[in-house]
Amino acid sequence: MLKTSLIIALLAGFATLASAQLRTVPAEAKDGTIQHVQDMIVAIDGVQKRLAPGAQIRDASNRLVLPVALPAGTPVKYLLNEDGTVRQVWILSPQEAASSDKAP
């Protein structure tokens, strides 16, 4: 019984570590604020842009977020495709947003 409990505890610990993925935001990602407009259209810094097919929006915990769930004025970093569509968006944590504001 003790052995089974220990195994379960260890597996739960490894599952927690696996779910806490590190996220890396590329240095070339641009700063902005985002809000959902409609369908696959978002506004970044007030300029409407289309989300690319397969675009990913990630929250501060690296989970996928639907465009309709974006609170207006959310600070983000984002990447565009060559055609100007939004490819990837990272919602910034308060700490990331504060350090991003200080960046040149």
PDB file of N, CA and C in Angstrom:
ATOM      1  N   MET A   1       0.816  -1.189   0.000  1.00  0.00           N
ATOM      2  CA  MET A   1       0.000   0.000   0.000  1.00  0.00           C
ATOM      3  C   MET A   1       0.866   1.262   0.000  1.00  0.00           C
ATOM      4  N   LEU A   2       1.887   1.291   0.817  1.00  0.00           N
ATOM      5  CA  LEU A   2       2.791   2.435   0.879  1.00  0.00           C
ATOM      6  C   LEU A   2       3.533   2.594  -0.442  1.00  0.00           C
ATOM      7  N   LYS A   3       3.937   1.469  -1.025  1.00  0.00           N
ATOM      8  CA  LYS A   3       4.651   1.498  -2.298  1.00  0.00           C
ATOM      9  C   LYS A   3       3.760   2.083  -3.400  1.00  0.00           C
ATOM     10  N   THR A   4       2.497   1.701  -3.424  1.00  0.00           N
ATOM     11  CA  THR A   4       1.555   2.215  -4.414  1.00  0.00           C
ATOM     12  C   THR A   4       1.336   3.713  -4.226  1.00  0.00           C
ATOM     13  N   SER A   5       1.215   4.150  -3.000  1.00  0.00           N
ATOM     14  CA  SER A   5       1.032   5.576  -2.714  1.00  0.00           C
ATOM     15  C   SER A   5       2.244   6.386  -3.152  1.00  0.00           C
ATOM     16  N   LEU A   6       3.415   5.842  -2.922  1.00  0.00           N
ATOM     17  CA  LEU A   6       4.652   6.516  -3.332  1.00  0.00           C
ATOM     18  C   LEU A   6       4.718   6.629  -4.844  1.00  0.00           C
ATOM     19  N   ILE A   7       4.370   5.584  -5.560  1.00  0.00           N
ATOM     20  CA  ILE A   7       4.396   5.608  -7.024  1.00  0.00           C
ATOM     21  C   ILE A   7       3.403   6.642  -7.553  1.00  0.00           C
ATOM     22  N   ILE A   8       2.223   6.681  -6.977  1.00  0.00           N
ATOM     23  CA  ILE A   8       1.215   7.656  -7.412  1.00  0.00           C
ATOM     24  C   ILE A   8       1.704   9.076  -7.158  1.00  0.00           C
ATOM     25  N   ALA A   9       2.302   9.314  -6.020  1.00  0.00           N
ATOM     26  CA  ALA A   9       2.824  10.645  -5.695  1.00  0.00           C
ATOM     27  C   ALA A   9       3.920  11.053  -6.673  1.00  0.00           C
ATOM     28  N   LEU A  10       4.810  10.130  -7.001  1.00  0.00           N
ATOM     29  CA  LEU A  10       5.878  10.433  -7.947  1.00  0.00           C
ATOM     30  C   LEU A  10       5.322  10.739  -9.335  1.00  0.00           C
ATOM     31  N   LEU A  11       4.373   9.943  -9.784  1.00  0.00           N
ATOM     32  CA  LEU A  11       3.776  10.182 -11.095  1.00  0.00           C
ATOM     33  C   LEU A  11       3.052  11.521 -11.143  1.00  0.00           C
ATOM     34  N   ALA A  12       2.370  11.889 -10.082  1.00  0.00           N
ATOM     35  CA  ALA A  12       1.691  13.182 -10.017  1.00  0.00           C
ATOM     36  C   ALA A  12       2.709  14.321 -10.078  1.00  0.00           C
ATOM     37  N   GLY A  13       3.839  14.152  -9.417  1.00  0.00           N
ATOM     38  CA  GLY A  13       4.893  15.158  -9.459  1.00  0.00           C
ATOM     39  C   GLY A  13       5.468  15.328 -10.845  1.00  0.00           C
ATOM     40  N   PHE A  14       5.698  14.234 -11.545  1.00  0.00           N
ATOM     41  CA  PHE A  14       6.218  14.317 -12.912  1.00  0.00           C
ATOM     42  C   PHE A  14       5.194  14.943 -13.849  1.00  0.00           C
ATOM     43  N   ALA A  15       3.925  14.655 -13.656  1.00  0.00           N
ATOM     44  CA  ALA A  15       2.876  15.239 -14.491  1.00  0.00           C
ATOM     45  C   ALA A  15       2.840  16.756 -14.313  1.00  0.00           C
ATOM     46  N   THR A  16       3.024  17.213 -13.083  1.00  0.00           N
ATOM     47  CA  THR A  16       3.049  18.651 -12.811  1.00  0.00           C
ATOM     48  C   THR A  16       4.234  19.300 -13.503  1.00  0.00           C
ATOM     49  N   LEU A  17       5.388  18.675 -13.445  1.00  0.00           N
ATOM     50  CA  LEU A  17       6.564  19.219 -14.116  1.00  0.00           C
ATOM     51  C   LEU A  17       6.368  19.268 -15.617  1.00  0.00           C
ATOM     52  N   ALA A  18       5.773  18.246 -16.183  1.00  0.00           N
ATOM     53  CA  ALA A  18       5.561  18.206 -17.628  1.00  0.00           C
ATOM     54  C   ALA A  18       4.589  19.279 -18.074  1.00  0.00           C
ATOM     55  N   SER A  19       3.596  19.597 -17.257  1.00  0.00           N
ATOM     56  CA  SER A  19       2.617  20.605 -17.645  1.00  0.00           C
ATOM     57  C   SER A  19       3.165  22.022 -17.521  1.00  0.00           C
ATOM     58  N   ALA A  20       4.211  22.211 -16.745  1.00  0.00           N
ATOM     59  CA  ALA A  20       4.802  23.535 -16.564  1.00  0.00           C
ATOM     60  C   ALA A  20       5.875  23.768 -17.623  1.00  0.00           C
ATOM     61  N   GLN A  21       5.434  23.849 -18.869  1.00  0.00           N
ATOM     62  CA  GLN A  21       6.369  24.035 -19.965  1.00  0.00           C
ATOM     63  C   GLN A  21       6.935  25.443 -19.950  1.00  0.00           C
ATOM     64  N   LEU A  22       8.184  25.539 -20.311  1.00  0.00           N
ATOM     65  CA  LEU A  22       8.777  26.852 -20.476  1.00  0.00           C
ATOM     66  C   LEU A  22       8.352  27.396 -21.819  1.00  0.00           C
ATOM     67  N   ARG A  23       8.074  28.677 -21.882  1.00  0.00           N
ATOM     68  CA  ARG A  23       7.736  29.262 -23.177  1.00  0.00           C
ATOM     69  C   ARG A  23       8.813  30.259 -23.547  1.00  0.00           C
ATOM     70  N   THR A  24       9.097  30.297 -24.800  1.00  0.00           N
ATOM     71  CA  THR A  24      10.078  31.250 -25.292  1.00  0.00           C
ATOM     72  C   THR A  24       9.406  32.128 -26.333  1.00  0.00           C
ATOM     73  N   VAL A  25       9.518  33.410 -26.141  1.00  0.00           N
ATOM     74  CA  VAL A  25       8.991  34.385 -27.083  1.00  0.00           C
ATOM     75  C   VAL A  25      10.173  34.880 -27.899  1.00  0.00           C
ATOM     76  N   PRO A  26      10.114  34.743 -29.226  1.00  0.00           N
ATOM     77  CA  PRO A  26      11.248  35.176 -30.050  1.00  0.00           C
ATOM     78  C   PRO A  26      11.561  36.656 -29.860  1.00  0.00           C
ATOM     79  N   ALA A  27      12.835  36.986 -29.952  1.00  0.00           N
ATOM     80  CA  ALA A  27      13.273  38.373 -29.774  1.00  0.00           C
ATOM     81  C   ALA A  27      12.667  39.298 -30.822  1.00  0.00           C
ATOM     82  N   GLU A  28      12.365  38.760 -32.008  1.00  0.00           N
ATOM     83  CA  GLU A  28      11.819  39.603 -33.082  1.00  0.00           C
ATOM     84  C   GLU A  28      10.313  39.860 -32.942  1.00  0.00           C
ATOM     85  N   ALA A  29       9.677  39.279 -31.933  1.00  0.00           N
ATOM     86  CA  ALA A  29       8.249  39.508 -31.702  1.00  0.00           C
ATOM     87  C   ALA A  29       8.030  40.965 -31.310  1.00  0.00           C
ATOM     88  N   LYS A  30       6.977  41.551 -31.853  1.00  0.00           N
ATOM     89  CA  LYS A  30       6.664  42.960 -31.613  1.00  0.00           C
ATOM     90  C   LYS A  30       5.728  43.099 -30.420  1.00  0.00           C
ATOM     91  N   ASP A  31       5.826  44.242 -29.738  1.00  0.00           N
ATOM     92  CA  ASP A  31       4.935  44.567 -28.617  1.00  0.00           C
ATOM     93  C   ASP A  31       3.651  45.185 -29.143  1.00  0.00           C
ATOM     94  N   GLY A  32       2.573  44.970 -28.428  1.00  0.00           N
ATOM     95  CA  GLY A  32       1.315  45.608 -28.780  1.00  0.00           C
ATOM     96  C   GLY A  32       0.240  45.289 -27.768  1.00  0.00           C
ATOM     97  N   THR A  33      -0.946  45.829 -28.021  1.00  0.00           N
ATOM     98  CA  THR A  33      -2.130  45.464 -27.256  1.00  0.00           C
ATOM     99  C   THR A  33      -3.138  44.924 -28.253  1.00  0.00           C
ATOM    100  N   ILE A  34      -3.907  43.937 -27.820  1.00  0.00           N
ATOM    101  CA  ILE A  34      -4.785  43.234 -28.741  1.00  0.00           C
ATOM    102  C   ILE A  34      -6.208  43.204 -28.214  1.00  0.00           C
ATOM    103  N   GLN A  35      -7.136  43.120 -29.139  1.00  0.00           N
ATOM    104  CA  GLN A  35      -8.523  42.840 -28.799  1.00  0.00           C
ATOM    105  C   GLN A  35      -9.161  42.123 -29.975  1.00  0.00           C
ATOM    106  N   HIS A  36     -10.138  41.297 -29.681  1.00  0.00           N
ATOM    107  CA  HIS A  36     -10.858  40.576 -30.722  1.00  0.00           C
ATOM    108  C   HIS A  36     -11.884  41.512 -31.343  1.00  0.00           C
ATOM    109  N   VAL A  37     -11.983  41.501 -32.680  1.00  0.00           N
ATOM    110  CA  VAL A  37     -12.962  42.334 -33.381  1.00  0.00           C
ATOM    111  C   VAL A  37     -14.145  41.470 -33.807  1.00  0.00           C
ATOM    112  N   GLN A  38     -13.880  40.491 -34.662  1.00  0.00           N
ATOM    113  CA  GLN A  38     -14.912  39.537 -35.075  1.00  0.00           C
ATOM    114  C   GLN A  38     -14.246  38.397 -35.823  1.00  0.00           C
ATOM    115  N   ASP A  39     -14.859  37.235 -35.786  1.00  0.00           N
ATOM    116  CA  ASP A  39     -14.358  36.047 -36.481  1.00  0.00           C
ATOM    117  C   ASP A  39     -12.846  35.919 -36.308  1.00  0.00           C
ATOM    118  N   MET A  40     -12.118  35.992 -37.406  1.00  0.00           N
ATOM    119  CA  MET A  40     -10.658  35.841 -37.379  1.00  0.00           C
ATOM    120  C   MET A  40      -9.958  37.199 -37.511  1.00  0.00           C
ATOM    121  N   ILE A  41     -10.598  38.246 -37.050  1.00  0.00           N
ATOM    122  CA  ILE A  41     -10.037  39.597 -37.103  1.00  0.00           C
ATOM    123  C   ILE A  41      -9.758  40.063 -35.682  1.00  0.00           C
ATOM    124  N   VAL A  42      -8.548  40.566 -35.474  1.00  0.00           N
ATOM    125  CA  VAL A  42      -8.171  41.182 -34.205  1.00  0.00           C
ATOM    126  C   VAL A  42      -7.681  42.593 -34.498  1.00  0.00           C
ATOM    127  N   ALA A  43      -7.641  43.417 -33.488  1.00  0.00           N
ATOM    128  CA  ALA A  43      -7.048  44.748 -33.607  1.00  0.00           C
ATOM    129  C   ALA A  43      -5.816  44.768 -32.718  1.00  0.00           C
ATOM    130  N   ILE A  44      -4.677  45.069 -33.324  1.00  0.00           N
ATOM    131  CA  ILE A  44      -3.432  45.219 -32.577  1.00  0.00           C
ATOM    132  C   ILE A  44      -3.060  46.691 -32.634  1.00  0.00           C
ATOM    133  N   ASP A  45      -2.994  47.309 -31.468  1.00  0.00           N
ATOM    134  CA  ASP A  45      -2.752  48.748 -31.358  1.00  0.00           C
ATOM    135  C   ASP A  45      -3.730  49.533 -32.221  1.00  0.00           C
ATOM    136  N   GLY A  46      -4.986  49.066 -32.277  1.00  0.00           N
ATOM    137  CA  GLY A  46      -6.035  49.766 -33.009  1.00  0.00           C
ATOM    138  C   GLY A  46      -6.092  49.467 -34.499  1.00  0.00           C
ATOM    139  N   VAL A  47      -5.151  48.689 -35.025  1.00  0.00           N
ATOM    140  CA  VAL A  47      -5.120  48.358 -36.449  1.00  0.00           C
ATOM    141  C   VAL A  47      -5.652  46.946 -36.628  1.00  0.00           C
ATOM    142  N   GLN A  48      -6.693  46.816 -37.461  1.00  0.00           N
ATOM    143  CA  GLN A  48      -7.284  45.497 -37.672  1.00  0.00           C
ATOM    144  C   GLN A  48      -6.379  44.620 -38.528  1.00  0.00           C
ATOM    145  N   LYS A  49      -6.217  43.387 -38.071  1.00  0.00           N
ATOM    146  CA  LYS A  49      -5.388  42.409 -38.772  1.00  0.00           C
ATOM    147  C   LYS A  49      -6.102  41.065 -38.748  1.00  0.00           C
ATOM    148  N   ARG A  50      -5.919  40.293 -39.797  1.00  0.00           N
ATOM    149  CA  ARG A  50      -6.510  38.960 -39.889  1.00  0.00           C
ATOM    150  C   ARG A  50      -5.567  37.948 -39.254  1.00  0.00           C
ATOM    151  N   LEU A  51      -6.142  36.989 -38.528  1.00  0.00           N
ATOM    152  CA  LEU A  51      -5.358  35.877 -37.998  1.00  0.00           C
ATOM    153  C   LEU A  51      -5.076  34.898 -39.132  1.00  0.00           C
ATOM    154  N   ALA A  52      -3.859  34.433 -39.229  1.00  0.00           N
ATOM    155  CA  ALA A  52      -3.483  33.447 -40.242  1.00  0.00           C
ATOM    156  C   ALA A  52      -4.164  32.120 -39.935  1.00  0.00           C
ATOM    157  N   PRO A  53      -4.394  31.297 -40.955  1.00  0.00           N
ATOM    158  CA  PRO A  53      -4.907  29.950 -40.676  1.00  0.00           C
ATOM    159  C   PRO A  53      -3.934  29.224 -39.742  1.00  0.00           C
ATOM    160  N   GLY A  54      -4.456  28.666 -38.678  1.00  0.00           N
ATOM    161  CA  GLY A  54      -3.612  27.959 -37.712  1.00  0.00           C
ATOM    162  C   GLY A  54      -2.894  28.865 -36.734  1.00  0.00           C
ATOM    163  N   ALA A  55      -3.257  30.141 -36.695  1.00  0.00           N
ATOM    164  CA  ALA A  55      -2.613  31.072 -35.760  1.00  0.00           C
ATOM    165  C   ALA A  55      -2.806  30.577 -34.330  1.00  0.00           C
ATOM    166  N   GLN A  56      -1.789  30.818 -33.511  1.00  0.00           N
ATOM    167  CA  GLN A  56      -1.846  30.408 -32.116  1.00  0.00           C
ATOM    168  C   GLN A  56      -1.767  31.628 -31.213  1.00  0.00           C
ATOM    169  N   ILE A  57      -2.671  31.662 -30.245  1.00  0.00           N
ATOM    170  CA  ILE A  57      -2.649  32.684 -29.202  1.00  0.00           C
ATOM    171  C   ILE A  57      -2.393  31.939 -27.904  1.00  0.00           C
ATOM    172  N   ARG A  58      -1.314  32.284 -27.213  1.00  0.00           N
ATOM    173  CA  ARG A  58      -0.919  31.599 -25.980  1.00  0.00           C
ATOM    174  C   ARG A  58      -1.004  32.565 -24.807  1.00  0.00           C
ATOM    175  N   ASP A  59      -1.525  32.068 -23.689  1.00  0.00           N
ATOM    176  CA  ASP A  59      -1.586  32.906 -22.490  1.00  0.00           C
ATOM    177  C   ASP A  59      -0.266  32.818 -21.726  1.00  0.00           C
ATOM    178  N   ALA A  60      -0.206  33.466 -20.575  1.00  0.00           N
ATOM    179  CA  ALA A  60       1.032  33.511 -19.794  1.00  0.00           C
ATOM    180  C   ALA A  60       1.450  32.136 -19.282  1.00  0.00           C
ATOM    181  N   SER A  61       0.498  31.191 -19.237  1.00  0.00           N
ATOM    182  CA  SER A  61       0.815  29.817 -18.839  1.00  0.00           C
ATOM    183  C   SER A  61       1.034  28.914 -20.035  1.00  0.00           C
ATOM    184  N   ASN A  62       1.134  29.499 -21.222  1.00  0.00           N
ATOM    185  CA  ASN A  62       1.406  28.794 -22.476  1.00  0.00           C
ATOM    186  C   ASN A  62       0.233  27.938 -22.950  1.00  0.00           C
ATOM    187  N   ARG A  63      -0.972  28.247 -22.476  1.00  0.00           N
ATOM    188  CA  ARG A  63      -2.163  27.532 -22.935  1.00  0.00           C
ATOM    189  C   ARG A  63      -2.751  28.262 -24.138  1.00  0.00           C
ATOM    190  N   LEU A  64      -3.384  27.508 -25.030  1.00  0.00           N
ATOM    191  CA  LEU A  64      -4.035  28.118 -26.183  1.00  0.00           C
ATOM    192  C   LEU A  64      -5.273  28.888 -25.749  1.00  0.00           C
ATOM    193  N   VAL A  65      -5.484  30.034 -26.383  1.00  0.00           N
ATOM    194  CA  VAL A  65      -6.616  30.899 -26.078  1.00  0.00           C
ATOM    195  C   VAL A  65      -7.370  31.153 -27.379  1.00  0.00           C
ATOM    196  N   LEU A  66      -8.697  31.087 -27.330  1.00  0.00           N
ATOM    197  CA  LEU A  66      -9.507  31.423 -28.494  1.00  0.00           C
ATOM    198  C   LEU A  66      -9.546  32.934 -28.662  1.00  0.00           C
ATOM    199  N   PRO A  67      -9.587  33.421 -29.903  1.00  0.00           N
ATOM    200  CA  PRO A  67      -9.617  34.873 -30.120  1.00  0.00           C
ATOM    201  C   PRO A  67     -10.765  35.568 -29.394  1.00  0.00           C
ATOM    202  N   VAL A  68     -11.940  34.931 -29.341  1.00  0.00           N
ATOM    203  CA  VAL A  68     -13.092  35.565 -28.682  1.00  0.00           C
ATOM    204  C   VAL A  68     -12.892  35.714 -27.178  1.00  0.00           C
ATOM    205  N   ALA A  69     -11.923  35.020 -26.599  1.00  0.00           N
ATOM    206  CA  ALA A  69     -11.670  35.090 -25.158  1.00  0.00           C
ATOM    207  C   ALA A  69     -10.651  36.169 -24.794  1.00  0.00           C
ATOM    208  N   LEU A  70     -10.187  36.935 -25.777  1.00  0.00           N
ATOM    209  CA  LEU A  70      -9.193  37.976 -25.510  1.00  0.00           C
ATOM    210  C   LEU A  70      -9.843  39.196 -24.860  1.00  0.00           C
ATOM    211  N   PRO A  71      -9.405  39.572 -23.663  1.00  0.00           N
ATOM    212  CA  PRO A  71      -9.893  40.830 -23.086  1.00  0.00           C
ATOM    213  C   PRO A  71      -9.312  42.006 -23.881  1.00  0.00           C
ATOM    214  N   ALA A  72     -10.117  43.034 -24.114  1.00  0.00           N
ATOM    215  CA  ALA A  72      -9.647  44.210 -24.859  1.00  0.00           C
ATOM    216  C   ALA A  72      -8.461  44.854 -24.150  1.00  0.00           C
ATOM    217  N   GLY A  73      -7.461  45.248 -24.919  1.00  0.00           N
ATOM    218  CA  GLY A  73      -6.299  45.930 -24.371  1.00  0.00           C
ATOM    219  C   GLY A  73      -5.273  45.026 -23.735  1.00  0.00           C
ATOM    220  N   THR A  74      -5.325  43.738 -24.033  1.00  0.00           N
ATOM    221  CA  THR A  74      -4.383  42.784 -23.458  1.00  0.00           C
ATOM    222  C   THR A  74      -2.980  43.028 -24.026  1.00  0.00           C
ATOM    223  N   PRO A  75      -1.952  43.187 -23.168  1.00  0.00           N
ATOM    224  CA  PRO A  75      -0.586  43.363 -23.677  1.00  0.00           C
ATOM    225  C   PRO A  75      -0.055  42.035 -24.235  1.00  0.00           C
ATOM    226  N   VAL A  76       0.534  42.116 -25.424  1.00  0.00           N
ATOM    227  CA  VAL A  76       1.012  40.916 -26.107  1.00  0.00           C
ATOM    228  C   VAL A  76       2.329  41.180 -26.818  1.00  0.00           C
ATOM    229  N   LYS A  77       2.929  40.095 -27.244  1.00  0.00           N
ATOM    230  CA  LYS A  77       3.989  40.100 -28.246  1.00  0.00           C
ATOM    231  C   LYS A  77       3.431  39.266 -29.381  1.00  0.00           C
ATOM    232  N   TYR A  78       3.754  39.621 -30.623  1.00  0.00           N
ATOM    233  CA  TYR A  78       3.168  38.921 -31.754  1.00  0.00           C
ATOM    234  C   TYR A  78       4.132  38.873 -32.935  1.00  0.00           C
ATOM    235  N   LEU A  79       3.883  37.905 -33.813  1.00  0.00           N
ATOM    236  CA  LEU A  79       4.635  37.757 -35.060  1.00  0.00           C
ATOM    237  C   LEU A  79       3.659  37.761 -36.223  1.00  0.00           C
ATOM    238  N   LEU A  80       4.083  38.366 -37.327  1.00  0.00           N
ATOM    239  CA  LEU A  80       3.272  38.402 -38.538  1.00  0.00           C
ATOM    240  C   LEU A  80       3.896  37.524 -39.612  1.00  0.00           C
ATOM    241  N   ASN A  81       3.066  37.023 -40.520  1.00  0.00           N
ATOM    242  CA  ASN A  81       3.550  36.349 -41.725  1.00  0.00           C
ATOM    243  C   ASN A  81       3.952  37.400 -42.750  1.00  0.00           C
ATOM    244  N   GLU A  82       4.545  36.951 -43.847  1.00  0.00           N
ATOM    245  CA  GLU A  82       4.952  37.874 -44.915  1.00  0.00           C
ATOM    246  C   GLU A  82       3.767  38.637 -45.492  1.00  0.00           C
ATOM    247  N   ASP A  83       2.584  38.021 -45.478  1.00  0.00           N
ATOM    248  CA  ASP A  83       1.395  38.674 -46.039  1.00  0.00           C
ATOM    249  C   ASP A  83       0.693  39.596 -45.036  1.00  0.00           C
ATOM    250  N   GLY A  84       1.250  39.754 -43.848  1.00  0.00           N
ATOM    251  CA  GLY A  84       0.697  40.662 -42.848  1.00  0.00           C
ATOM    252  C   GLY A  84      -0.319  40.042 -41.917  1.00  0.00           C
ATOM    253  N   THR A  85      -0.601  38.752 -42.071  1.00  0.00           N
ATOM    254  CA  THR A  85      -1.522  38.094 -41.144  1.00  0.00           C
ATOM    255  C   THR A  85      -0.788  37.740 -39.847  1.00  0.00           C
ATOM    256  N   VAL A  86      -1.536  37.666 -38.778  1.00  0.00           N
ATOM    257  CA  VAL A  86      -0.965  37.386 -37.455  1.00  0.00           C
ATOM    258  C   VAL A  86      -0.740  35.886 -37.322  1.00  0.00           C
ATOM    259  N   ARG A  87       0.503  35.507 -37.097  1.00  0.00           N
ATOM    260  CA  ARG A  87       0.889  34.093 -37.021  1.00  0.00           C
ATOM    261  C   ARG A  87       0.859  33.560 -35.601  1.00  0.00           C
ATOM    262  N   GLN A  88       1.450  34.304 -34.669  1.00  0.00           N
ATOM    263  CA  GLN A  88       1.545  33.872 -33.276  1.00  0.00           C
ATOM    264  C   GLN A  88       1.375  35.064 -32.357  1.00  0.00           C
ATOM    265  N   VAL A  89       0.724  34.803 -31.219  1.00  0.00           N
ATOM    266  CA  VAL A  89       0.507  35.839 -30.210  1.00  0.00           C
ATOM    267  C   VAL A  89       0.829  35.238 -28.850  1.00  0.00           C
ATOM    268  N   TRP A  90       1.546  35.978 -28.041  1.00  0.00           N
ATOM    269  CA  TRP A  90       1.823  35.580 -26.661  1.00  0.00           C
ATOM    270  C   TRP A  90       1.253  36.658 -25.757  1.00  0.00           C
ATOM    271  N   ILE A  91       0.279  36.277 -24.932  1.00  0.00           N
ATOM    272  CA  ILE A  91      -0.260  37.198 -23.935  1.00  0.00           C
ATOM    273  C   ILE A  91       0.773  37.326 -22.823  1.00  0.00           C
ATOM    274  N   LEU A  92       1.110  38.546 -22.473  1.00  0.00           N
ATOM    275  CA  LEU A  92       2.168  38.780 -21.488  1.00  0.00           C
ATOM    276  C   LEU A  92       1.627  38.757 -20.070  1.00  0.00           C
ATOM    277  N   SER A  93       2.416  38.181 -19.184  1.00  0.00           N
ATOM    278  CA  SER A  93       2.103  38.265 -17.757  1.00  0.00           C
ATOM    279  C   SER A  93       2.372  39.710 -17.322  1.00  0.00           C
ATOM    280  N   PRO A  94       1.873  40.129 -16.169  1.00  0.00           N
ATOM    281  CA  PRO A  94       2.165  41.493 -15.696  1.00  0.00           C
ATOM    282  C   PRO A  94       3.669  41.781 -15.615  1.00  0.00           C
ATOM    283  N   GLN A  95       4.458  40.778 -15.200  1.00  0.00           N
ATOM    284  CA  GLN A  95       5.907  40.970 -15.110  1.00  0.00           C
ATOM    285  C   GLN A  95       6.525  41.121 -16.499  1.00  0.00           C
ATOM    286  N   GLU A  96       6.079  40.298 -17.450  1.00  0.00           N
ATOM    287  CA  GLU A  96       6.596  40.400 -18.819  1.00  0.00           C
ATOM    288  C   GLU A  96       6.204  41.736 -19.443  1.00  0.00           C
ATOM    289  N   ALA A  97       4.976  42.181 -19.204  1.00  0.00           N
ATOM    290  CA  ALA A  97       4.512  43.455 -19.750  1.00  0.00           C
ATOM    291  C   ALA A  97       5.328  44.607 -19.186  1.00  0.00           C
ATOM    292  N   ALA A  98       5.619  44.554 -17.889  1.00  0.00           N
ATOM    293  CA  ALA A  98       6.414  45.621 -17.263  1.00  0.00           C
ATOM    294  C   ALA A  98       7.822  45.671 -17.830  1.00  0.00           C
ATOM    295  N   SER A  99       8.447  44.510 -18.021  1.00  0.00           N
ATOM    296  CA  SER A  99       9.804  44.505 -18.563  1.00  0.00           C
ATOM    297  C   SER A  99       9.798  44.840 -20.042  1.00  0.00           C
ATOM    298  N   SER A 100       8.728  44.520 -20.742  1.00  0.00           N
ATOM    299  CA  SER A 100       8.608  44.838 -22.163  1.00  0.00           C
ATOM    300  C   SER A 100       8.497  46.346 -22.360  1.00  0.00           C
ATOM    301  N   ASP A 101       7.784  47.030 -21.452  1.00  0.00           N
ATOM    302  CA  ASP A 101       7.642  48.479 -21.537  1.00  0.00           C
ATOM    303  C   ASP A 101       8.984  49.179 -21.368  1.00  0.00           C
ATOM    304  N   LYS A 102       9.894  48.578 -20.626  1.00  0.00           N
ATOM    305  CA  LYS A 102      11.194  49.179 -20.371  1.00  0.00           C
ATOM    306  C   LYS A 102      12.185  48.914 -21.487  1.00  0.00           C
ATOM    307  N   ALA A 103      11.861  47.978 -22.365  1.00  0.00           N
ATOM    308  CA  ALA A 103      12.783  47.637 -23.453  1.00  0.00           C
ATOM    309  C   ALA A 103      12.842  48.780 -24.456  1.00  0.00           C
ATOM    310  N   PRO A 104      14.007  48.975 -25.087  1.00  0.00           N
ATOM    311  CA  PRO A 104      14.127  50.071 -26.064  1.00  0.00           C
ATOM    312  C   PRO A 104      13.286  49.840 -27.289  1.00  0.00           C
TER     313      PRO A 104
END
